[in-house]
Amino acid sequence: MATARRHTLVTVLRAAVQEILEELVDRLAAAGHPRIRVAHSQVFENLDPNGTRLTVLARRARMAHPSMSELVADLERLGYLHRVPDPTDRRARLVQLTVRGRALQRLALAELAELEAAWLRGLGAKLGPEAVDALAAVRGEAPR
């Protein structure tokens, strides 16, 4: 007799993140950014306000350098990013948001805040608000 498949915390969290990112991408498409993909989040979530070297982006995202390079090149073609000389080392280049990229980032952060709030309300309703705080505490974050 086959036993029911047990979901692990990793599986459940990964699926939740994927669902949130897919909804975010749908919202961004509806707001005029139809070529943004879930994979692009790896760039945006690891980019510093004044720009970041490609090698740092790849390391933070736990990706291979060539994979991050492809994502950055795609976002450059779409007009969201550009590369500029690093003022601390002229041989290096920083990946930075363009004006269009900053507008997208503001929109994405606002949409993401709404999505996260809805998920947290749902978790609180199912598990109680203490469960959400407990998960944050495990990560070393202060309770809300």
Protein backbone atom coordinates (compact mmCIF):
# COMPACT_ATOMS: atom_id res chain seq x y z
CA MET A 1 0.00 0.00 0.00
CA ALA A 2 1.42 3.39 -1.01
CA THR A 3 1.81 6.00 1.67
CA ALA A 4 0.76 9.59 1.18
CA ARG A 5 3.47 11.92 0.02
CA ARG A 6 4.78 14.05 2.87
CA HIS A 7 5.61 17.66 2.14
CA THR A 8 8.82 18.96 3.62
CA LEU A 9 9.25 22.52 4.82
CA VAL A 10 11.65 23.16 1.93
CA THR A 11 9.10 21.92 -0.62
CA VAL A 12 6.29 23.98 0.84
CA LEU A 13 8.36 27.17 1.17
CA ARG A 14 9.80 26.81 -2.34
CA ALA A 15 6.29 26.34 -3.79
CA ALA A 16 5.01 29.37 -1.87
CA VAL A 17 7.86 31.56 -3.11
CA GLN A 18 7.28 30.38 -6.68
CA GLU A 19 3.56 31.15 -6.43
CA ILE A 20 4.22 34.62 -5.02
CA LEU A 21 6.78 35.40 -7.74
CA GLU A 22 4.47 34.15 -10.51
CA GLU A 23 1.68 36.38 -9.23
CA LEU A 24 4.11 39.31 -9.03
CA VAL A 25 5.19 38.75 -12.63
CA ASP A 26 1.53 38.60 -13.72
CA ARG A 27 0.87 41.91 -11.97
CA LEU A 28 3.95 43.51 -13.51
CA ALA A 29 2.86 42.32 -16.97
CA ALA A 30 -0.58 43.86 -16.43
CA ALA A 31 1.13 47.12 -15.42
CA GLY A 32 3.13 47.33 -18.65
CA HIS A 33 6.15 45.07 -18.08
CA PRO A 34 5.19 41.92 -20.03
CA ARG A 35 8.72 40.61 -20.61
CA ILE A 36 9.76 40.36 -16.96
CA ARG A 37 10.19 36.74 -15.86
CA VAL A 38 10.38 35.06 -12.47
CA ALA A 39 14.09 34.35 -13.07
CA HIS A 40 14.76 38.11 -13.23
CA SER A 41 13.97 38.32 -9.52
CA GLN A 42 17.42 36.81 -8.89
CA VAL A 43 18.94 40.02 -10.22
CA PHE A 44 16.62 42.55 -8.63
CA GLU A 45 16.71 41.06 -5.14
CA ASN A 46 20.51 41.05 -5.06
CA LEU A 47 21.23 44.45 -6.59
CA ASP A 48 22.62 47.19 -4.32
CA PRO A 49 21.24 50.75 -4.65
CA ASN A 50 24.46 52.06 -6.24
CA GLY A 51 25.09 48.99 -8.36
CA THR A 52 26.70 45.61 -7.94
CA ARG A 53 29.39 43.66 -9.75
CA LEU A 54 28.17 40.70 -11.75
CA THR A 55 30.33 38.30 -9.74
CA VAL A 56 28.69 39.53 -6.52
CA LEU A 57 25.20 39.18 -8.00
CA ALA A 58 25.95 35.59 -9.01
CA ARG A 59 27.38 34.73 -5.59
CA ARG A 60 24.44 36.26 -3.70
CA ALA A 61 21.94 34.46 -5.92
CA ARG A 62 23.93 31.21 -5.60
CA MET A 63 24.06 31.00 -9.38
CA ALA A 64 26.79 30.31 -11.90
CA HIS A 65 28.35 33.46 -13.30
CA PRO A 66 27.26 32.70 -16.92
CA SER A 67 23.63 32.24 -15.82
CA MET A 68 23.60 35.57 -13.99
CA SER A 69 25.30 37.17 -16.98
CA GLU A 70 22.45 36.00 -19.23
CA LEU A 71 19.82 37.44 -16.90
CA VAL A 72 21.64 40.78 -16.68
CA ALA A 73 22.09 40.92 -20.46
CA ASP A 74 18.38 40.21 -20.94
CA LEU A 75 17.42 43.00 -18.53
CA GLU A 76 19.87 45.34 -20.29
CA ARG A 77 18.20 44.61 -23.65
CA LEU A 78 14.83 45.36 -22.06
CA GLY A 79 16.13 48.70 -20.74
CA TYR A 80 15.99 47.94 -17.00
CA LEU A 81 19.74 47.75 -16.34
CA HIS A 82 23.01 49.18 -17.60
CA ARG A 83 26.66 48.64 -16.72
CA VAL A 84 28.97 51.44 -15.65
CA PRO A 85 32.63 51.54 -14.60
CA ASP A 86 33.18 50.73 -10.93
CA PRO A 87 34.63 53.88 -9.33
CA THR A 88 36.78 51.73 -7.03
CA ASP A 89 38.29 49.69 -9.89
CA ARG A 90 38.01 51.02 -13.43
CA ARG A 91 38.58 47.51 -14.84
CA ALA A 92 35.39 46.30 -13.19
CA ARG A 93 31.81 47.22 -14.07
CA LEU A 94 28.77 47.74 -11.88
CA VAL A 95 25.29 46.61 -12.86
CA GLN A 96 22.84 49.43 -12.09
CA LEU A 97 19.16 50.12 -12.54
CA THR A 98 18.16 52.53 -15.27
CA VAL A 99 15.34 55.03 -14.75
CA ARG A 100 12.99 52.39 -16.16
CA GLY A 101 14.49 49.80 -13.84
CA ARG A 102 13.98 52.01 -10.78
CA ALA A 103 10.33 52.54 -11.77
CA LEU A 104 9.89 48.78 -12.14
CA GLN A 105 11.55 48.18 -8.78
CA ARG A 106 9.22 50.64 -7.02
CA LEU A 107 6.19 49.01 -8.62
CA ALA A 108 7.43 45.49 -7.84
CA LEU A 109 8.11 46.33 -4.19
CA ALA A 110 4.62 47.80 -3.78
CA GLU A 111 3.01 44.76 -5.42
CA LEU A 112 5.19 42.40 -3.40
CA ALA A 113 4.16 44.12 -0.16
CA GLU A 114 0.50 43.48 -1.06
CA LEU A 115 1.16 39.84 -1.93
CA GLU A 116 3.16 39.23 1.23
CA ALA A 117 0.48 40.88 3.37
CA ALA A 118 -2.17 38.61 1.85
CA TRP A 119 -0.03 35.52 2.48
CA LEU A 120 0.68 36.56 6.05
CA ARG A 121 -3.03 37.16 6.69
CA GLY A 122 -3.74 33.71 5.31
CA LEU A 123 -1.05 32.09 7.43
CA GLY A 124 -2.26 33.94 10.51
CA ALA A 125 -5.83 32.80 9.87
CA LYS A 126 -4.77 29.17 9.45
CA LEU A 127 -2.03 28.92 12.05
CA GLY A 128 -2.45 31.94 14.27
CA PRO A 129 -0.26 35.04 14.23
CA GLU A 130 2.22 33.38 16.59
CA ALA A 131 3.19 30.88 13.88
CA VAL A 132 4.27 33.62 11.48
CA ASP A 133 6.30 35.30 14.24
CA ALA A 134 7.82 31.93 15.15
CA LEU A 135 8.98 31.37 11.57
CA ALA A 136 10.52 34.86 11.51
CA ALA A 137 12.23 34.18 14.86
CA VAL A 138 13.79 31.00 13.49
CA ARG A 139 15.42 33.21 10.87
CA GLY A 140 16.62 35.62 13.58
CA GLU A 141 14.12 38.37 12.74
CA ALA A 142 12.34 40.43 15.38
CA PRO A 143 8.59 39.79 15.82
CA ARG A 144 6.15 42.21 14.22
